[in-house]
Amino acid sequence: MKIDEVGRTGTWLRSALERADTARTARTPGLHLSEIVNDIAKILDPTRYAQAVPKDVRDAWFGIGLAIEDMLAEALRARFLDWRRPQPIRLDGIWLTPDGGTRTRTDEIKATWVSSRHRLDDPRLARYRWQLLAYMHARKTPHGRVYILHLNGDYKPPRPVFRVWDVTATDDDLRDNWSMIVNHAIDRHWLGAVDVVRRQGATRKRGSHAER
């Protein structure tokens, strides 16, 4: 018997993952929410993000996340009749791509190596919280839910553990979170403050017309 390793994450697999992600949700050119929240997290906890991750490891992580997201999305569509993946949303010059949700709830699906001992309000999971609140703000839903697969559980012993968090936020909660994200993008010169004010004014004007 002869057994040879063909490859770990070769070019063909990387291309397949990229095609799968493109088919699932096309990456619209421009500034994306994930770029902003990742940058905030790196600034607040530079040690955690200081070590460079090899490309093949990133590809493997991406493949795990994509598989979990697609599997759970299919289950949620079967369970909730009005569950769907929304189209990308552009708000104040920032693109947002929610994983899905119902008319009244926004859902986010994650896979992580962070221990399952940590709650959603722990700094280690702050990115997920900021992201969910931003999606809730954009979709105008007061309720959100995060499905997190902790790949190694609490590491005692290492084993996969799913945790699901329900989030109910006030309008102030959503506005404060969004303001933090927008202000960070402005501070990094990724957005112009004047342009943001103009967009917000136009949004309020459209909303007032719709109410008449």
C-alpha atoms as a PDB file:
ATOM      1  CA  MET A   1       0.000   0.000   0.000  1.00  0.00           C
ATOM      2  CA  LYS A   2       1.225   3.479  -0.868  1.00  0.00           C
ATOM      3  CA  ILE A   3      -0.151   6.573   0.832  1.00  0.00           C
ATOM      4  CA  ASP A   4       0.978  10.020  -0.247  1.00  0.00           C
ATOM      5  CA  GLU A   5      -0.094  13.395   1.073  1.00  0.00           C
ATOM      6  CA  VAL A   6      -1.318  15.396  -1.911  1.00  0.00           C
ATOM      7  CA  GLY A   7      -1.322  18.678  -0.045  1.00  0.00           C
ATOM      8  CA  ARG A   8      -2.727  20.509   2.908  1.00  0.00           C
ATOM      9  CA  THR A   9      -4.312  23.688   1.590  1.00  0.00           C
ATOM     10  CA  GLY A  10      -3.076  23.805  -1.961  1.00  0.00           C
ATOM     11  CA  THR A  11      -3.918  26.357  -4.614  1.00  0.00           C
ATOM     12  CA  TRP A  12      -6.895  24.355  -5.883  1.00  0.00           C
ATOM     13  CA  LEU A  13      -8.506  24.197  -2.431  1.00  0.00           C
ATOM     14  CA  ARG A  14      -7.867  27.878  -1.810  1.00  0.00           C
ATOM     15  CA  SER A  15      -9.517  28.702  -5.142  1.00  0.00           C
ATOM     16  CA  ALA A  16     -12.480  26.443  -4.322  1.00  0.00           C
ATOM     17  CA  LEU A  17     -13.009  28.204  -0.995  1.00  0.00           C
ATOM     18  CA  GLU A  18     -12.829  31.617  -2.629  1.00  0.00           C
ATOM     19  CA  ARG A  19     -15.355  30.560  -5.293  1.00  0.00           C
ATOM     20  CA  ALA A  20     -17.689  29.205  -2.615  1.00  0.00           C
ATOM     21  CA  ASP A  21     -17.527  32.445  -0.663  1.00  0.00           C
ATOM     22  CA  THR A  22     -18.103  34.516  -3.796  1.00  0.00           C
ATOM     23  CA  ALA A  23     -21.119  32.424  -4.724  1.00  0.00           C
ATOM     24  CA  ARG A  24     -22.515  32.766  -1.203  1.00  0.00           C
ATOM     25  CA  THR A  25     -22.113  36.518  -0.923  1.00  0.00           C
ATOM     26  CA  ALA A  26     -20.257  38.600  -3.469  1.00  0.00           C
ATOM     27  CA  ARG A  27     -17.631  40.841  -1.868  1.00  0.00           C
ATOM     28  CA  THR A  28     -18.670  44.351  -2.829  1.00  0.00           C
ATOM     29  CA  PRO A  29     -15.722  46.711  -3.391  1.00  0.00           C
ATOM     30  CA  GLY A  30     -15.355  49.299  -0.642  1.00  0.00           C
ATOM     31  CA  LEU A  31     -15.005  49.573   3.126  1.00  0.00           C
ATOM     32  CA  HIS A  32     -16.488  46.632   5.040  1.00  0.00           C
ATOM     33  CA  LEU A  33     -17.605  46.409   8.648  1.00  0.00           C
ATOM     34  CA  SER A  34     -15.327  43.433   9.330  1.00  0.00           C
ATOM     35  CA  GLU A  35     -12.253  45.512   8.424  1.00  0.00           C
ATOM     36  CA  ILE A  36     -13.201  48.147  10.973  1.00  0.00           C
ATOM     37  CA  VAL A  37     -14.042  45.850  13.891  1.00  0.00           C
ATOM     38  CA  ASN A  38     -10.908  43.779  13.267  1.00  0.00           C
ATOM     39  CA  ASP A  39      -8.802  46.940  13.334  1.00  0.00           C
ATOM     40  CA  ILE A  40     -10.399  48.097  16.598  1.00  0.00           C
ATOM     41  CA  ALA A  41      -9.732  44.684  18.148  1.00  0.00           C
ATOM     42  CA  LYS A  42      -6.067  44.777  17.082  1.00  0.00           C
ATOM     43  CA  ILE A  43      -5.592  48.201  18.644  1.00  0.00           C
ATOM     44  CA  LEU A  44      -7.267  47.224  21.922  1.00  0.00           C
ATOM     45  CA  ASP A  45      -5.453  43.884  22.209  1.00  0.00           C
ATOM     46  CA  PRO A  46      -2.278  44.061  20.083  1.00  0.00           C
ATOM     47  CA  THR A  47      -0.651  41.046  21.753  1.00  0.00           C
ATOM     48  CA  ARG A  48      -3.448  38.707  20.674  1.00  0.00           C
ATOM     49  CA  TYR A  49      -3.149  39.787  17.030  1.00  0.00           C
ATOM     50  CA  ALA A  50       0.600  40.438  16.882  1.00  0.00           C
ATOM     51  CA  GLN A  51       1.581  36.990  15.609  1.00  0.00           C
ATOM     52  CA  ALA A  52       1.252  36.584  11.857  1.00  0.00           C
ATOM     53  CA  VAL A  53      -0.910  33.636  10.780  1.00  0.00           C
ATOM     54  CA  PRO A  54       0.391  31.614   7.809  1.00  0.00           C
ATOM     55  CA  LYS A  55      -1.740  31.698   4.668  1.00  0.00           C
ATOM     56  CA  ASP A  56      -2.502  27.973   4.754  1.00  0.00           C
ATOM     57  CA  VAL A  57      -3.748  28.259   8.347  1.00  0.00           C
ATOM     58  CA  ARG A  58      -5.973  31.215   7.440  1.00  0.00           C
ATOM     59  CA  ASP A  59      -7.378  29.190   4.541  1.00  0.00           C
ATOM     60  CA  ALA A  60      -8.157  26.290   6.874  1.00  0.00           C
ATOM     61  CA  TRP A  61      -9.889  28.605   9.354  1.00  0.00           C
ATOM     62  CA  PHE A  62     -11.852  30.186   6.525  1.00  0.00           C
ATOM     63  CA  GLY A  63     -12.976  26.758   5.288  1.00  0.00           C
ATOM     64  CA  ILE A  64     -14.172  25.747   8.767  1.00  0.00           C
ATOM     65  CA  GLY A  65     -16.102  28.996   9.205  1.00  0.00           C
ATOM     66  CA  LEU A  66     -17.703  28.747   5.771  1.00  0.00           C
ATOM     67  CA  ALA A  67     -18.785  25.134   6.317  1.00  0.00           C
ATOM     68  CA  ILE A  68     -20.295  25.865   9.749  1.00  0.00           C
ATOM     69  CA  GLU A  69     -22.085  28.957   8.471  1.00  0.00           C
ATOM     70  CA  ASP A  70     -23.621  27.182   5.475  1.00  0.00           C
ATOM     71  CA  MET A  71     -24.665  24.158   7.542  1.00  0.00           C
ATOM     72  CA  LEU A  72     -26.318  26.239  10.254  1.00  0.00           C
ATOM     73  CA  ALA A  73     -27.933  28.619   7.754  1.00  0.00           C
ATOM     74  CA  GLU A  74     -29.628  25.650   6.094  1.00  0.00           C
ATOM     75  CA  ALA A  75     -30.932  24.445   9.471  1.00  0.00           C
ATOM     76  CA  LEU A  76     -32.217  27.928  10.364  1.00  0.00           C
ATOM     77  CA  ARG A  77     -34.021  28.267   7.031  1.00  0.00           C
ATOM     78  CA  ALA A  78     -35.788  24.987   7.760  1.00  0.00           C
ATOM     79  CA  ARG A  79     -36.715  26.016  11.314  1.00  0.00           C
ATOM     80  CA  PHE A  80     -37.839  29.621  10.712  1.00  0.00           C
ATOM     81  CA  LEU A  81     -40.028  30.219   7.658  1.00  0.00           C
ATOM     82  CA  ASP A  82     -38.992  33.863   7.313  1.00  0.00           C
ATOM     83  CA  TRP A  83     -35.249  33.281   7.897  1.00  0.00           C
ATOM     84  CA  ARG A  84     -33.120  34.455   4.982  1.00  0.00           C
ATOM     85  CA  ARG A  85     -29.739  35.847   4.013  1.00  0.00           C
ATOM     86  CA  PRO A  86     -30.202  39.570   3.336  1.00  0.00           C
ATOM     87  CA  GLN A  87     -28.441  41.399   0.538  1.00  0.00           C
ATOM     88  CA  PRO A  88     -25.353  43.431   1.518  1.00  0.00           C
ATOM     89  CA  ILE A  89     -26.290  46.736   3.142  1.00  0.00           C
ATOM     90  CA  ARG A  90     -24.393  50.001   2.694  1.00  0.00           C
ATOM     91  CA  LEU A  91     -24.769  52.438   5.581  1.00  0.00           C
ATOM     92  CA  ASP A  92     -22.752  55.660   5.996  1.00  0.00           C
ATOM     93  CA  GLY A  93     -20.281  54.418   3.401  1.00  0.00           C
ATOM     94  CA  ILE A  94     -19.712  51.061   5.130  1.00  0.00           C
ATOM     95  CA  TRP A  95     -20.731  47.696   3.670  1.00  0.00           C
ATOM     96  CA  LEU A  96     -22.398  45.201   6.003  1.00  0.00           C
ATOM     97  CA  THR A  97     -23.095  41.545   5.142  1.00  0.00           C
ATOM     98  CA  PRO A  98     -25.265  39.936   7.851  1.00  0.00           C
ATOM     99  CA  ASP A  99     -25.310  36.145   7.929  1.00  0.00           C
ATOM    100  CA  GLY A 100     -29.094  36.122   8.099  1.00  0.00           C
ATOM    101  CA  GLY A 101     -32.144  36.552  10.260  1.00  0.00           C
ATOM    102  CA  THR A 102     -35.905  36.890  10.444  1.00  0.00           C
ATOM    103  CA  ARG A 103     -37.997  40.037  10.131  1.00  0.00           C
ATOM    104  CA  THR A 104     -37.437  40.855  13.808  1.00  0.00           C
ATOM    105  CA  ARG A 105     -34.081  39.221  14.592  1.00  0.00           C
ATOM    106  CA  THR A 106     -30.573  39.397  13.147  1.00  0.00           C
ATOM    107  CA  ASP A 107     -28.375  36.304  13.355  1.00  0.00           C
ATOM    108  CA  GLU A 108     -24.614  35.905  13.189  1.00  0.00           C
ATOM    109  CA  ILE A 109     -22.733  32.594  12.929  1.00  0.00           C
ATOM    110  CA  LYS A 110     -19.162  32.188  14.173  1.00  0.00           C
ATOM    111  CA  ALA A 111     -16.499  29.534  14.720  1.00  0.00           C
ATOM    112  CA  THR A 112     -13.635  30.323  17.091  1.00  0.00           C
ATOM    113  CA  TRP A 113     -10.694  28.884  19.019  1.00  0.00           C
ATOM    114  CA  VAL A 114     -11.581  31.138  21.982  1.00  0.00           C
ATOM    115  CA  SER A 115     -12.568  29.100  25.036  1.00  0.00           C
ATOM    116  CA  SER A 116     -16.271  28.488  25.641  1.00  0.00           C
ATOM    117  CA  ARG A 117     -15.704  29.704  29.213  1.00  0.00           C
ATOM    118  CA  HIS A 118     -16.053  33.258  27.943  1.00  0.00           C
ATOM    119  CA  ARG A 119     -19.397  35.021  27.598  1.00  0.00           C
ATOM    120  CA  LEU A 120     -20.365  37.181  24.653  1.00  0.00           C
ATOM    121  CA  ASP A 121     -19.663  40.306  26.745  1.00  0.00           C
ATOM    122  CA  ASP A 122     -16.038  39.180  27.277  1.00  0.00           C
ATOM    123  CA  PRO A 123     -13.415  41.341  25.478  1.00  0.00           C
ATOM    124  CA  ARG A 124     -12.190  38.234  23.624  1.00  0.00           C
ATOM    125  CA  LEU A 125     -15.532  38.090  21.793  1.00  0.00           C
ATOM    126  CA  ALA A 126     -16.014  41.834  21.427  1.00  0.00           C
ATOM    127  CA  ARG A 127     -15.703  41.702  17.624  1.00  0.00           C
ATOM    128  CA  TYR A 128     -18.719  39.437  17.409  1.00  0.00           C
ATOM    129  CA  ARG A 129     -20.734  41.742  19.668  1.00  0.00           C
ATOM    130  CA  TRP A 130     -19.833  44.896  17.726  1.00  0.00           C
ATOM    131  CA  GLN A 131     -20.608  43.178  14.449  1.00  0.00           C
ATOM    132  CA  LEU A 132     -23.995  41.876  15.578  1.00  0.00           C
ATOM    133  CA  LEU A 133     -25.081  45.249  17.010  1.00  0.00           C
ATOM    134  CA  ALA A 134     -24.069  46.956  13.753  1.00  0.00           C
ATOM    135  CA  TYR A 135     -26.135  44.491  11.732  1.00  0.00           C
ATOM    136  CA  MET A 136     -29.094  44.962  14.091  1.00  0.00           C
ATOM    137  CA  HIS A 137     -28.772  48.723  13.630  1.00  0.00           C
ATOM    138  CA  ALA A 138     -28.669  48.450   9.834  1.00  0.00           C
ATOM    139  CA  ARG A 139     -31.590  45.999   9.667  1.00  0.00           C
ATOM    140  CA  LYS A 140     -33.548  47.869  12.374  1.00  0.00           C
ATOM    141  CA  THR A 141     -34.129  44.780  14.507  1.00  0.00           C
ATOM    142  CA  PRO A 142     -34.101  45.076  18.317  1.00  0.00           C
ATOM    143  CA  HIS A 143     -33.193  41.420  18.748  1.00  0.00           C
ATOM    144  CA  GLY A 144     -30.089  39.504  17.708  1.00  0.00           C
ATOM    145  CA  ARG A 145     -28.635  36.052  18.135  1.00  0.00           C
ATOM    146  CA  VAL A 146     -25.048  34.788  17.857  1.00  0.00           C
ATOM    147  CA  TYR A 147     -24.351  31.106  17.227  1.00  0.00           C
ATOM    148  CA  ILE A 148     -20.763  30.359  18.251  1.00  0.00           C
ATOM    149  CA  LEU A 149     -18.981  27.072  17.687  1.00  0.00           C
ATOM    150  CA  HIS A 150     -16.057  26.943  20.126  1.00  0.00           C
ATOM    151  CA  LEU A 151     -13.884  24.439  18.287  1.00  0.00           C
ATOM    152  CA  ASN A 152     -12.018  23.308  21.416  1.00  0.00           C
ATOM    153  CA  GLY A 153     -14.736  24.060  23.954  1.00  0.00           C
ATOM    154  CA  ASP A 154     -13.239  24.996  27.315  1.00  0.00           C
ATOM    155  CA  TYR A 155     -10.055  22.974  26.541  1.00  0.00           C
ATOM    156  CA  LYS A 156     -10.804  20.680  29.544  1.00  0.00           C
ATOM    157  CA  PRO A 157     -10.673  18.478  27.503  1.00  0.00           C
ATOM    158  CA  PRO A 158     -10.653  20.046  24.029  1.00  0.00           C
ATOM    159  CA  ARG A 159     -13.968  19.271  22.333  1.00  0.00           C
ATOM    160  CA  PRO A 160     -16.413  21.283  20.172  1.00  0.00           C
ATOM    161  CA  VAL A 161     -19.063  23.230  22.109  1.00  0.00           C
ATOM    162  CA  PHE A 162     -21.898  25.326  20.677  1.00  0.00           C
ATOM    163  CA  ARG A 163     -23.091  28.381  22.603  1.00  0.00           C
ATOM    164  CA  VAL A 164     -25.986  30.555  21.507  1.00  0.00           C
ATOM    165  CA  TRP A 165     -26.475  34.100  22.787  1.00  0.00           C
ATOM    166  CA  ASP A 166     -29.641  36.192  22.525  1.00  0.00           C
ATOM    167  CA  VAL A 167     -29.132  39.952  22.490  1.00  0.00           C
ATOM    168  CA  THR A 168     -31.796  42.610  23.032  1.00  0.00           C
ATOM    169  CA  ALA A 169     -30.551  46.166  22.500  1.00  0.00           C
ATOM    170  CA  THR A 170     -32.061  49.609  22.914  1.00  0.00           C
ATOM    171  CA  ASP A 171     -31.875  52.245  20.196  1.00  0.00           C
ATOM    172  CA  ASP A 172     -29.189  53.985  22.260  1.00  0.00           C
ATOM    173  CA  ASP A 173     -27.152  50.770  22.434  1.00  0.00           C
ATOM    174  CA  LEU A 174     -27.282  50.392  18.659  1.00  0.00           C
ATOM    175  CA  ARG A 175     -26.513  54.058  17.959  1.00  0.00           C
ATOM    176  CA  ASP A 176     -23.583  54.130  20.398  1.00  0.00           C
ATOM    177  CA  ASN A 177     -22.054  51.004  18.860  1.00  0.00           C
ATOM    178  CA  TRP A 178     -22.511  52.362  15.333  1.00  0.00           C
ATOM    179  CA  SER A 179     -21.028  55.731  16.290  1.00  0.00           C
ATOM    180  CA  MET A 180     -17.941  53.972  17.669  1.00  0.00           C
ATOM    181  CA  ILE A 181     -17.497  52.100  14.368  1.00  0.00           C
ATOM    182  CA  VAL A 182     -18.039  55.145  12.158  1.00  0.00           C
ATOM    183  CA  ASN A 183     -15.793  57.361  14.293  1.00  0.00           C
ATOM    184  CA  HIS A 184     -13.007  54.789  14.150  1.00  0.00           C
ATOM    185  CA  ALA A 185     -13.251  54.682  10.357  1.00  0.00           C
ATOM    186  CA  ILE A 186     -13.098  58.483  10.259  1.00  0.00           C
ATOM    187  CA  ASP A 187     -10.087  58.563  12.613  1.00  0.00           C
ATOM    188  CA  ARG A 188      -8.313  56.088  10.305  1.00  0.00           C
ATOM    189  CA  HIS A 189      -9.160  58.297   7.305  1.00  0.00           C
ATOM    190  CA  TRP A 190     -11.170  55.494   5.731  1.00  0.00           C
ATOM    191  CA  LEU A 191     -14.264  57.717   5.754  1.00  0.00           C
ATOM    192  CA  GLY A 192     -14.712  61.450   5.498  1.00  0.00           C
ATOM    193  CA  ALA A 193     -16.665  63.031   8.361  1.00  0.00           C
ATOM    194  CA  VAL A 194     -18.471  65.441   6.027  1.00  0.00           C
ATOM    195  CA  ASP A 195     -19.566  62.599   3.758  1.00  0.00           C
ATOM    196  CA  VAL A 196     -20.944  60.654   6.723  1.00  0.00           C
ATOM    197  CA  VAL A 197     -22.976  63.645   7.920  1.00  0.00           C
ATOM    198  CA  ARG A 198     -24.368  64.115   4.404  1.00  0.00           C
ATOM    199  CA  ARG A 199     -25.348  60.451   4.146  1.00  0.00           C
ATOM    200  CA  GLN A 200     -27.010  60.495   7.560  1.00  0.00           C
ATOM    201  CA  GLY A 201     -28.916  63.638   6.597  1.00  0.00           C
ATOM    202  CA  ALA A 202     -30.102  62.046   3.356  1.00  0.00           C
ATOM    203  CA  THR A 203     -31.194  58.916   5.237  1.00  0.00           C
ATOM    204  CA  ARG A 204     -33.204  60.959   7.753  1.00  0.00           C
ATOM    205  CA  LYS A 205     -34.792  62.930   4.897  1.00  0.00           C
ATOM    206  CA  ARG A 206     -35.858  59.730   3.098  1.00  0.00           C
ATOM    207  CA  GLY A 207     -37.263  58.390   6.339  1.00  0.00           C
ATOM    208  CA  SER A 208     -39.324  61.538   6.987  1.00  0.00           C
ATOM    209  CA  HIS A 209     -40.797  61.359   3.458  1.00  0.00           C
ATOM    210  CA  ALA A 210     -41.690  57.726   3.975  1.00  0.00           C
ATOM    211  CA  GLU A 211     -43.619  58.568   7.130  1.00  0.00           C
ATOM    212  CA  ARG A 212     -45.866  61.065   5.372  1.00  0.00           C
END
